[in-house]
C-alpha atoms as a PDB file:
ATOM      1  CA  MET A   1      27.316   4.848   7.939  1.00  0.00           C
ATOM      2  CA  ASN A   2      25.486   6.196   4.923  1.00  0.00           C
ATOM      3  CA  ALA A   3      24.408   9.794   4.867  1.00  0.00           C
ATOM      4  CA  SER A   4      20.764  10.531   5.577  1.00  0.00           C
ATOM      5  CA  PRO A   5      18.731  11.497   2.521  1.00  0.00           C
ATOM      6  CA  SER A   6      18.046  15.101   1.768  1.00  0.00           C
ATOM      7  CA  PRO A   7      14.512  16.116   2.711  1.00  0.00           C
ATOM      8  CA  THR A   8      14.433  18.332  -0.356  1.00  0.00           C
ATOM      9  CA  VAL A   9      14.368  15.377  -2.758  1.00  0.00           C
ATOM     10  CA  PRO A  10      11.300  15.852  -4.989  1.00  0.00           C
ATOM     11  CA  PRO A  11       8.488  13.315  -5.044  1.00  0.00           C
ATOM     12  CA  ALA A  12       9.278  10.265  -7.154  1.00  0.00           C
ATOM     13  CA  GLY A  13       7.717   7.039  -8.305  1.00  0.00           C
ATOM     14  CA  SER A  14       4.021   6.370  -8.554  1.00  0.00           C
ATOM     15  CA  ALA A  15       2.990   7.139  -4.967  1.00  0.00           C
ATOM     16  CA  ARG A  16      -0.447   8.753  -5.109  1.00  0.00           C
ATOM     17  CA  PRO A  17      -1.090  11.517  -2.587  1.00  0.00           C
ATOM     18  CA  ASP A  18      -4.738  10.444  -2.352  1.00  0.00           C
ATOM     19  CA  VAL A  19      -4.000   6.785  -1.554  1.00  0.00           C
ATOM     20  CA  LEU A  20      -4.850   7.120   2.131  1.00  0.00           C
ATOM     21  CA  ARG A  21      -8.135   8.904   1.474  1.00  0.00           C
ATOM     22  CA  ILE A  22      -9.162   6.219  -0.989  1.00  0.00           C
ATOM     23  CA  LEU A  23      -8.388   3.450   1.487  1.00  0.00           C
ATOM     24  CA  LEU A  24     -10.252   5.141   4.324  1.00  0.00           C
ATOM     25  CA  GLU A  25     -13.394   5.588   2.239  1.00  0.00           C
ATOM     26  CA  ARG A  26     -14.050   1.840   2.330  1.00  0.00           C
ATOM     27  CA  PRO A  27     -17.066   0.735   4.411  1.00  0.00           C
ATOM     28  CA  ILE A  28     -14.853  -1.739   6.268  1.00  0.00           C
ATOM     29  CA  PRO A  29     -11.293  -1.232   7.485  1.00  0.00           C
ATOM     30  CA  ALA A  30      -8.604  -1.518   4.833  1.00  0.00           C
ATOM     31  CA  VAL A  31      -6.552  -4.705   5.089  1.00  0.00           C
ATOM     32  CA  MET A  32      -2.773  -4.347   5.145  1.00  0.00           C
ATOM     33  CA  GLY A  33      -0.868  -7.545   4.411  1.00  0.00           C
ATOM     34  CA  VAL A  34       2.476  -8.229   6.088  1.00  0.00           C
ATOM     35  CA  LEU A  35       5.401  -9.136   3.834  1.00  0.00           C
ATOM     36  CA  ASN A  36       8.591  -9.697   5.805  1.00  0.00           C
ATOM     37  CA  ILE A  37      11.704 -10.199   3.694  1.00  0.00           C
ATOM     38  CA  THR A  38      13.762 -10.951   6.772  1.00  0.00           C
ATOM     39  CA  PRO A  39      15.442 -14.030   8.251  1.00  0.00           C
ATOM     40  CA  ASP A  40      14.257 -13.403  11.820  1.00  0.00           C
ATOM     41  CA  SER A  41      10.711 -11.998  11.982  1.00  0.00           C
ATOM     42  CA  PHE A  42       8.858 -13.552  14.901  1.00  0.00           C
ATOM     43  CA  SER A  43       6.224 -15.388  12.854  1.00  0.00           C
ATOM     44  CA  ASP A  44       7.482 -15.928   9.310  1.00  0.00           C
ATOM     45  CA  GLY A  45      11.200 -15.151   9.394  1.00  0.00           C
ATOM     46  CA  GLY A  46      13.023 -16.538   6.362  1.00  0.00           C
ATOM     47  CA  GLU A  47       9.908 -17.654   4.481  1.00  0.00           C
ATOM     48  CA  PHE A  48       9.838 -14.817   1.951  1.00  0.00           C
ATOM     49  CA  ILE A  49      13.396 -13.522   1.868  1.00  0.00           C
ATOM     50  CA  ALA A  50      14.067 -14.943  -1.612  1.00  0.00           C
ATOM     51  CA  PRO A  51      12.771 -12.569  -4.318  1.00  0.00           C
ATOM     52  CA  GLU A  52      10.649 -15.220  -6.036  1.00  0.00           C
ATOM     53  CA  GLN A  53       9.056 -16.163  -2.701  1.00  0.00           C
ATOM     54  CA  ALA A  54       8.341 -12.520  -1.850  1.00  0.00           C
ATOM     55  CA  LEU A  55       6.722 -11.897  -5.227  1.00  0.00           C
ATOM     56  CA  ALA A  56       4.643 -15.046  -4.958  1.00  0.00           C
ATOM     57  CA  ARG A  57       3.491 -13.993  -1.493  1.00  0.00           C
ATOM     58  CA  ALA A  58       2.553 -10.516  -2.742  1.00  0.00           C
ATOM     59  CA  ARG A  59       0.545 -12.009  -5.621  1.00  0.00           C
ATOM     60  CA  ALA A  60      -1.245 -14.362  -3.238  1.00  0.00           C
ATOM     61  CA  MET A  61      -2.199 -11.482  -0.949  1.00  0.00           C
ATOM     62  CA  ILE A  62      -3.515  -9.487  -3.895  1.00  0.00           C
ATOM     63  CA  GLU A  63      -5.609 -12.451  -5.005  1.00  0.00           C
ATOM     64  CA  ALA A  64      -6.945 -12.663  -1.434  1.00  0.00           C
ATOM     65  CA  GLY A  65      -8.095  -9.030  -1.605  1.00  0.00           C
ATOM     66  CA  VAL A  66      -5.372  -7.100   0.195  1.00  0.00           C
ATOM     67  CA  ASP A  67      -5.588  -3.285   0.111  1.00  0.00           C
ATOM     68  CA  ILE A  68      -1.993  -2.465   1.077  1.00  0.00           C
ATOM     69  CA  ILE A  69       1.171  -4.583   1.093  1.00  0.00           C
ATOM     70  CA  ASP A  70       3.483  -3.647   3.959  1.00  0.00           C
ATOM     71  CA  ILE A  71       7.025  -4.720   3.150  1.00  0.00           C
ATOM     72  CA  GLY A  72       9.804  -4.757   5.712  1.00  0.00           C
ATOM     73  CA  ALA A  73      13.444  -5.785   5.427  1.00  0.00           C
ATOM     74  CA  GLU A  74      14.429  -5.508   9.093  1.00  0.00           C
ATOM     75  CA  SER A  75      12.767  -7.459  11.848  1.00  0.00           C
ATOM     76  CA  THR A  76      11.089  -5.107  14.290  1.00  0.00           C
ATOM     77  CA  ARG A  77       9.698  -8.059  16.201  1.00  0.00           C
ATOM     78  CA  PRO A  78       8.093  -6.830  19.403  1.00  0.00           C
ATOM     79  CA  TYR A  79      10.059  -9.214  21.618  1.00  0.00           C
ATOM     80  CA  LYS A  80      13.699  -9.570  22.536  1.00  0.00           C
ATOM     81  CA  GLY A  81      15.954 -11.160  19.966  1.00  0.00           C
ATOM     82  CA  ALA A  82      15.546  -9.002  16.886  1.00  0.00           C
ATOM     83  CA  LYS A  83      18.897  -8.127  15.326  1.00  0.00           C
ATOM     84  CA  ALA A  84      19.425  -4.565  14.174  1.00  0.00           C
ATOM     85  CA  VAL A  85      20.643  -4.265  10.598  1.00  0.00           C
ATOM     86  CA  THR A  86      22.207  -1.450   8.648  1.00  0.00           C
ATOM     87  CA  ALA A  87      20.463   0.537   5.942  1.00  0.00           C
ATOM     88  CA  ASP A  88      22.693  -1.257   3.439  1.00  0.00           C
ATOM     89  CA  ASP A  89      21.401  -4.610   4.713  1.00  0.00           C
ATOM     90  CA  GLU A  90      17.794  -3.497   4.320  1.00  0.00           C
ATOM     91  CA  LEU A  91      18.421  -2.118   0.860  1.00  0.00           C
ATOM     92  CA  ALA A  92      20.190  -5.300  -0.240  1.00  0.00           C
ATOM     93  CA  ARG A  93      17.043  -7.255   0.665  1.00  0.00           C
ATOM     94  CA  LEU A  94      14.666  -4.739  -0.913  1.00  0.00           C
ATOM     95  CA  LYS A  95      16.370  -3.994  -4.216  1.00  0.00           C
ATOM     96  CA  PRO A  96      15.801  -7.373  -5.920  1.00  0.00           C
ATOM     97  CA  VAL A  97      12.070  -7.346  -5.212  1.00  0.00           C
ATOM     98  CA  LEU A  98      10.580  -3.954  -4.385  1.00  0.00           C
ATOM     99  CA  ALA A  99      10.034  -2.565  -7.886  1.00  0.00           C
ATOM    100  CA  GLY A 100       8.399  -5.837  -8.930  1.00  0.00           C
ATOM    101  CA  ILE A 101       5.982  -5.737  -6.017  1.00  0.00           C
ATOM    102  CA  VAL A 102       5.077  -2.093  -6.654  1.00  0.00           C
ATOM    103  CA  ALA A 103       4.432  -3.006 -10.306  1.00  0.00           C
ATOM    104  CA  LEU A 104       1.703  -5.424  -9.202  1.00  0.00           C
ATOM    105  CA  GLY A 105      -0.509  -2.359  -8.770  1.00  0.00           C
ATOM    106  CA  VAL A 106      -1.570  -2.482  -5.114  1.00  0.00           C
ATOM    107  CA  PRO A 107      -0.413   0.340  -2.793  1.00  0.00           C
ATOM    108  CA  VAL A 108       2.774  -0.612  -0.963  1.00  0.00           C
ATOM    109  CA  SER A 109       4.010   0.704   2.372  1.00  0.00           C
ATOM    110  CA  ILE A 110       7.600   0.493   3.569  1.00  0.00           C
ATOM    111  CA  ASP A 111       8.111  -0.718   7.130  1.00  0.00           C
ATOM    112  CA  SER A 112      11.374   0.918   8.146  1.00  0.00           C
ATOM    113  CA  MET A 113      12.666   3.223  10.848  1.00  0.00           C
ATOM    114  CA  LYS A 114      15.472   4.514   8.574  1.00  0.00           C
ATOM    115  CA  ALA A 115      14.891   7.547   6.374  1.00  0.00           C
ATOM    116  CA  GLU A 116      17.485   6.343   3.885  1.00  0.00           C
ATOM    117  CA  VAL A 117      15.540   3.141   3.301  1.00  0.00           C
ATOM    118  CA  VAL A 118      12.208   4.935   3.119  1.00  0.00           C
ATOM    119  CA  ALA A 119      13.624   7.402   0.564  1.00  0.00           C
ATOM    120  CA  TYR A 120      14.750   4.539  -1.674  1.00  0.00           C
ATOM    121  CA  ALA A 121      11.373   2.832  -1.359  1.00  0.00           C
ATOM    122  CA  LEU A 122       9.496   6.017  -2.252  1.00  0.00           C
ATOM    123  CA  ASP A 123      11.719   6.375  -5.311  1.00  0.00           C
ATOM    124  CA  GLN A 124      10.489   2.935  -6.397  1.00  0.00           C
ATOM    125  CA  GLY A 125       6.849   3.996  -6.152  1.00  0.00           C
ATOM    126  CA  VAL A 126       6.004   2.952  -2.598  1.00  0.00           C
ATOM    127  CA  ALA A 127       3.002   4.953  -1.398  1.00  0.00           C
ATOM    128  CA  ILE A 128       3.186   4.989   2.416  1.00  0.00           C
ATOM    129  CA  ALA A 129       5.902   5.248   5.074  1.00  0.00           C
ATOM    130  CA  ASN A 130       5.439   3.020   8.133  1.00  0.00           C
ATOM    131  CA  ASP A 131       7.698   4.082  11.012  1.00  0.00           C
ATOM    132  CA  VAL A 132       7.609   1.804  14.060  1.00  0.00           C
ATOM    133  CA  TRP A 133       9.260   4.539  16.101  1.00  0.00           C
ATOM    134  CA  GLY A 134       6.732   7.216  15.254  1.00  0.00           C
ATOM    135  CA  LEU A 135       9.164   9.755  13.689  1.00  0.00           C
ATOM    136  CA  GLN A 136      11.195   9.743  16.919  1.00  0.00           C
ATOM    137  CA  ARG A 137      14.186   7.555  16.034  1.00  0.00           C
ATOM    138  CA  ASP A 138      15.655   8.964  12.809  1.00  0.00           C
ATOM    139  CA  PRO A 139      15.624  12.789  12.729  1.00  0.00           C
ATOM    140  CA  ALA A 140      15.630  12.727   8.928  1.00  0.00           C
ATOM    141  CA  MET A 141      12.350  10.790   8.722  1.00  0.00           C
ATOM    142  CA  ALA A 142       9.837  13.569   9.339  1.00  0.00           C
ATOM    143  CA  PRO A 143      11.466  16.049   6.909  1.00  0.00           C
ATOM    144  CA  LEU A 144      11.619  13.321   4.272  1.00  0.00           C
ATOM    145  CA  VAL A 145       7.945  12.398   4.671  1.00  0.00           C
ATOM    146  CA  ALA A 146       6.977  16.071   4.577  1.00  0.00           C
ATOM    147  CA  ALA A 147       8.980  16.722   1.416  1.00  0.00           C
ATOM    148  CA  ARG A 148       7.484  13.734  -0.382  1.00  0.00           C
ATOM    149  CA  GLY A 149       3.933  14.421   0.768  1.00  0.00           C
ATOM    150  CA  VAL A 150       3.195  10.747   1.422  1.00  0.00           C
ATOM    151  CA  PRO A 151       1.072   9.289   4.215  1.00  0.00           C
ATOM    152  CA  VAL A 152       2.940   8.077   7.288  1.00  0.00           C
ATOM    153  CA  ILE A 153       2.011   5.537   9.931  1.00  0.00           C
ATOM    154  CA  VAL A 154       3.162   6.702  13.358  1.00  0.00           C
ATOM    155  CA  MET A 155       3.492   3.767  15.733  1.00  0.00           C
ATOM    156  CA  HIS A 156       3.856   3.889  19.517  1.00  0.00           C
ATOM    157  CA  ASN A 157       6.916   2.084  20.796  1.00  0.00           C
ATOM    158  CA  ARG A 158       9.078   1.681  23.875  1.00  0.00           C
ATOM    159  CA  ASP A 159      12.508   0.139  24.325  1.00  0.00           C
ATOM    160  CA  ASP A 160      11.206  -2.026  27.166  1.00  0.00           C
ATOM    161  CA  ALA A 161       7.858  -2.959  28.631  1.00  0.00           C
ATOM    162  CA  ASP A 162       7.143  -1.565  32.095  1.00  0.00           C
ATOM    163  CA  PRO A 163       4.133  -3.153  33.784  1.00  0.00           C
ATOM    164  CA  ALA A 164       4.035  -0.349  36.362  1.00  0.00           C
ATOM    165  CA  ILE A 165       3.176   2.476  33.959  1.00  0.00           C
ATOM    166  CA  ASP A 166      -0.199   3.686  32.736  1.00  0.00           C
ATOM    167  CA  ILE A 167       0.227   2.538  29.153  1.00  0.00           C
ATOM    168  CA  ILE A 168      -2.592   4.683  27.752  1.00  0.00           C
ATOM    169  CA  THR A 169      -1.086   7.841  29.225  1.00  0.00           C
ATOM    170  CA  ASP A 170       2.306   6.819  27.862  1.00  0.00           C
ATOM    171  CA  MET A 171       0.846   6.272  24.404  1.00  0.00           C
ATOM    172  CA  LYS A 172      -0.958   9.608  24.369  1.00  0.00           C
ATOM    173  CA  THR A 173       2.212  11.411  25.429  1.00  0.00           C
ATOM    174  CA  PHE A 174       4.192   9.601  22.734  1.00  0.00           C
ATOM    175  CA  PHE A 175       1.665  10.486  20.038  1.00  0.00           C
ATOM    176  CA  LEU A 176       1.618  14.135  21.097  1.00  0.00           C
ATOM    177  CA  ARG A 177       5.409  14.208  20.746  1.00  0.00           C
ATOM    178  CA  SER A 178       5.239  12.530  17.318  1.00  0.00           C
ATOM    179  CA  LEU A 179       2.551  14.916  16.112  1.00  0.00           C
ATOM    180  CA  ASP A 180       4.616  17.879  17.253  1.00  0.00           C
ATOM    181  CA  ILE A 181       7.582  16.539  15.268  1.00  0.00           C
ATOM    182  CA  ALA A 182       5.316  16.043  12.262  1.00  0.00           C
ATOM    183  CA  ALA A 183       3.855  19.550  12.492  1.00  0.00           C
ATOM    184  CA  LYS A 184       7.279  21.178  12.793  1.00  0.00           C
ATOM    185  CA  ALA A 185       8.493  19.246   9.755  1.00  0.00           C
ATOM    186  CA  GLY A 186       5.454  20.277   7.730  1.00  0.00           C
ATOM    187  CA  ILE A 187       3.690  16.906   7.440  1.00  0.00           C
ATOM    188  CA  ALA A 188       0.042  17.521   6.611  1.00  0.00           C
ATOM    189  CA  ARG A 189      -2.186  16.200   9.380  1.00  0.00           C
ATOM    190  CA  ASP A 190      -4.418  14.386   6.898  1.00  0.00           C
ATOM    191  CA  ARG A 191      -1.403  12.279   5.911  1.00  0.00           C
ATOM    192  CA  ILE A 192      -0.973  10.749   9.386  1.00  0.00           C
ATOM    193  CA  VAL A 193      -2.205   7.404  10.732  1.00  0.00           C
ATOM    194  CA  LEU A 194      -1.694   6.365  14.363  1.00  0.00           C
ATOM    195  CA  ASP A 195      -0.760   2.819  15.351  1.00  0.00           C
ATOM    196  CA  PRO A 196      -0.942   1.770  19.037  1.00  0.00           C
ATOM    197  CA  GLY A 197       1.902  -0.679  18.484  1.00  0.00           C
ATOM    198  CA  ILE A 198       0.287  -3.787  19.918  1.00  0.00           C
ATOM    199  CA  GLY A 199       3.006  -5.907  21.532  1.00  0.00           C
ATOM    200  CA  PHE A 200       5.725  -3.269  21.167  1.00  0.00           C
ATOM    201  CA  GLY A 201       7.131  -2.154  24.537  1.00  0.00           C
ATOM    202  CA  LYS A 202       4.020  -3.487  26.241  1.00  0.00           C
ATOM    203  CA  THR A 203       3.102  -6.391  28.449  1.00  0.00           C
ATOM    204  CA  ALA A 204       0.327  -8.694  27.293  1.00  0.00           C
ATOM    205  CA  GLU A 205      -2.053  -6.929  29.670  1.00  0.00           C
ATOM    206  CA  GLN A 206      -1.047  -3.527  28.316  1.00  0.00           C
ATOM    207  CA  SER A 207      -1.589  -4.653  24.725  1.00  0.00           C
ATOM    208  CA  MET A 208      -5.077  -5.810  25.592  1.00  0.00           C
ATOM    209  CA  THR A 209      -5.737  -2.571  27.468  1.00  0.00           C
ATOM    210  CA  ALA A 210      -4.681  -0.598  24.396  1.00  0.00           C
ATOM    211  CA  LEU A 211      -7.175  -2.543  22.293  1.00  0.00           C
ATOM    212  CA  ALA A 212      -9.948  -2.280  24.879  1.00  0.00           C
ATOM    213  CA  ARG A 213      -9.503   1.490  25.160  1.00  0.00           C
ATOM    214  CA  LEU A 214      -8.823   2.163  21.490  1.00  0.00           C
ATOM    215  CA  ARG A 215     -11.562   4.793  21.277  1.00  0.00           C
ATOM    216  CA  GLU A 216      -9.594   7.050  23.616  1.00  0.00           C
ATOM    217  CA  PHE A 217      -7.248   7.769  20.734  1.00  0.00           C
ATOM    218  CA  GLU A 218     -10.104   9.384  18.837  1.00  0.00           C
ATOM    219  CA  MET A 219      -9.022  12.518  20.717  1.00  0.00           C
ATOM    220  CA  PHE A 220      -6.389  12.995  18.001  1.00  0.00           C
ATOM    221  CA  GLY A 221      -8.931  12.965  15.177  1.00  0.00           C
ATOM    222  CA  LEU A 222      -6.750  10.660  13.081  1.00  0.00           C
ATOM    223  CA  PRO A 223      -7.301   7.209  11.561  1.00  0.00           C
ATOM    224  CA  ILE A 224      -6.042   4.274  13.599  1.00  0.00           C
ATOM    225  CA  LEU A 225      -4.196   1.211  12.334  1.00  0.00           C
ATOM    226  CA  VAL A 226      -4.117  -1.937  14.456  1.00  0.00           C
ATOM    227  CA  GLY A 227      -1.738  -4.839  13.932  1.00  0.00           C
ATOM    228  CA  ALA A 228      -2.511  -7.535  16.486  1.00  0.00           C
ATOM    229  CA  SER A 229      -1.745 -10.375  14.097  1.00  0.00           C
ATOM    230  CA  ARG A 230      -0.189 -13.409  15.823  1.00  0.00           C
ATOM    231  CA  LYS A 231       1.053 -11.282  18.722  1.00  0.00           C
ATOM    232  CA  ARG A 232       2.156 -12.866  21.976  1.00  0.00           C
ATOM    233  CA  PHE A 233      -0.657 -11.411  24.083  1.00  0.00           C
ATOM    234  CA  ILE A 234      -2.913 -13.974  22.391  1.00  0.00           C
ATOM    235  CA  ALA A 235      -0.850 -16.778  23.894  1.00  0.00           C
ATOM    236  CA  SER A 236      -1.244 -15.216  27.341  1.00  0.00           C
ATOM    237  CA  VAL A 237      -4.964 -15.954  27.020  1.00  0.00           C
ATOM    238  CA  SER A 238      -4.753 -19.170  24.995  1.00  0.00           C
ATOM    239  CA  PRO A 239      -1.297 -20.812  24.908  1.00  0.00           C
ATOM    240  CA  SER A 240      -0.183 -21.046  21.280  1.00  0.00           C
ATOM    241  CA  GLU A 241       2.677 -20.553  18.856  1.00  0.00           C
ATOM    242  CA  PRO A 242       2.551 -17.617  16.392  1.00  0.00           C
ATOM    243  CA  LYS A 243       1.035 -19.585  13.507  1.00  0.00           C
ATOM    244  CA  GLU A 244      -1.588 -21.040  15.841  1.00  0.00           C
ATOM    245  CA  ARG A 245      -3.050 -17.628  16.651  1.00  0.00           C
ATOM    246  CA  LEU A 246      -5.325 -16.983  13.684  1.00  0.00           C
ATOM    247  CA  ALA A 247      -8.557 -17.102  15.680  1.00  0.00           C
ATOM    248  CA  GLY A 248      -7.158 -14.865  18.402  1.00  0.00           C
ATOM    249  CA  SER A 249      -5.854 -12.430  15.802  1.00  0.00           C
ATOM    250  CA  ILE A 250      -9.255 -12.210  14.132  1.00  0.00           C
ATOM    251  CA  ALA A 251     -10.983 -11.706  17.488  1.00  0.00           C
ATOM    252  CA  ALA A 252      -8.643  -8.837  18.331  1.00  0.00           C
ATOM    253  CA  HIS A 253      -9.027  -7.274  14.900  1.00  0.00           C
ATOM    254  CA  LEU A 254     -12.819  -7.431  14.931  1.00  0.00           C
ATOM    255  CA  ILE A 255     -12.864  -5.697  18.312  1.00  0.00           C
ATOM    256  CA  ALA A 256     -10.412  -3.116  16.983  1.00  0.00           C
ATOM    257  CA  ALA A 257     -12.674  -2.483  13.988  1.00  0.00           C
ATOM    258  CA  GLN A 258     -15.692  -2.100  16.262  1.00  0.00           C
ATOM    259  CA  ARG A 259     -13.736   0.453  18.286  1.00  0.00           C
ATOM    260  CA  GLY A 260     -12.714   2.579  15.368  1.00  0.00           C
ATOM    261  CA  ALA A 261      -9.659   1.052  13.656  1.00  0.00           C
ATOM    262  CA  ARG A 262      -9.655   1.947   9.959  1.00  0.00           C
ATOM    263  CA  ILE A 263      -6.691  -0.198   8.859  1.00  0.00           C
ATOM    264  CA  ILE A 264      -5.964  -3.747   9.996  1.00  0.00           C
ATOM    265  CA  ARG A 265      -2.442  -5.129   9.541  1.00  0.00           C
ATOM    266  CA  THR A 266      -2.346  -8.910   9.274  1.00  0.00           C
ATOM    267  CA  HIS A 267      -0.360 -11.929   8.145  1.00  0.00           C
ATOM    268  CA  ASP A 268      -3.607 -13.684   7.167  1.00  0.00           C
ATOM    269  CA  VAL A 269      -5.317 -11.558   4.532  1.00  0.00           C
ATOM    270  CA  ALA A 270      -8.100 -13.803   3.243  1.00  0.00           C
ATOM    271  CA  GLU A 271      -9.310 -14.872   6.669  1.00  0.00           C
ATOM    272  CA  THR A 272      -9.167 -11.363   8.103  1.00  0.00           C
ATOM    273  CA  LEU A 273     -10.992  -9.828   5.152  1.00  0.00           C
ATOM    274  CA  GLN A 274     -13.711 -12.469   5.354  1.00  0.00           C
ATOM    275  CA  ALA A 275     -14.190 -11.795   9.068  1.00  0.00           C
ATOM    276  CA  LEU A 276     -14.428  -8.044   8.502  1.00  0.00           C
ATOM    277  CA  LEU A 277     -16.910  -8.455   5.650  1.00  0.00           C
ATOM    278  CA  VAL A 278     -19.147 -10.815   7.613  1.00  0.00           C
ATOM    279  CA  ALA A 279     -19.058  -8.620  10.719  1.00  0.00           C
ATOM    280  CA  HIS A 280     -19.948  -5.567   8.634  1.00  0.00           C
ATOM    281  CA  ALA A 281     -22.809  -7.416   6.917  1.00  0.00           C
ATOM    282  CA  ILE A 282     -24.264  -8.479  10.265  1.00  0.00           C
ATOM    283  CA  GLU A 283     -23.825  -5.063  11.875  1.00  0.00           C
ATOM    284  CA  SER A 284     -25.599  -3.471   8.910  1.00  0.00           C
ATOM    285  CA  LYS A 285     -28.797  -5.365   9.725  1.00  0.00           C
ATOM    286  CA  PRO A 286     -31.338  -3.943  12.188  1.00  0.00           C
ATOM    287  CA  GLU A 287     -31.343  -5.596  15.621  1.00  0.00           C
ATOM    288  CA  SER A 288     -35.129  -5.805  15.704  1.00  0.00           C
ATOM    289  CA  LYS A 289     -38.069  -5.201  13.446  1.00  0.00           C
ATOM    290  CA  PRO A 290     -39.576  -1.696  13.629  1.00  0.00           C
END
């Protein structure tokens, strides 16, 4: 096993400390595009693992208007069947392509639960850390993020779904624990984004409850990211395979935006951005004449 990175490593690359503020100043939620360079992601596993395919996908998302590219080299699929990989495996997938994607000029986030991988990505100019275990899996993650001063996405997760629990209470407790870890490590509060982890450790009903009650997380006073794209809860309402869930994904994301989400994570950038723009244009109009 490789040693965890030192949290005292100085900031590197082109990550801008104001990137999150800039994104959150938009009148509509920022759109984060998913780029999985993995063989086994639940929706697009294997499609972009080759460097030329990953770069082409990143360029296409930029042309479609993406605000952030979220790159991941380990499947964290929210269902059974994902295979854990080592940090070396992740790095072997990232190294041929990451610097080239960062050079395209759009902020990049690294989707990894390993501090070693995140440290490498930040060295390449990645701007945001995206931890699907909310700083609670790798003890080196929070000190690393604090030392680099980059924004971090803190996602709620569970090893297994339990239909008997109050999922909102569980999520609030999880976030309180993550925020305590962040505070003790010295992560500035204005660098933190919360992600309810739709589909992760949740039943379909619990995922929909999390979306329906999204405003309850305003208690933390932090921006919320929602990634409902192609998730299985959609099929529980309308039977479908992952790539047949565009309409359901957009419906979930529009509701999330209405209920306060400031970043939307999606596989389908152009369609999601169009939906957000149209919804915003309509909501900006008065409901009746004075």
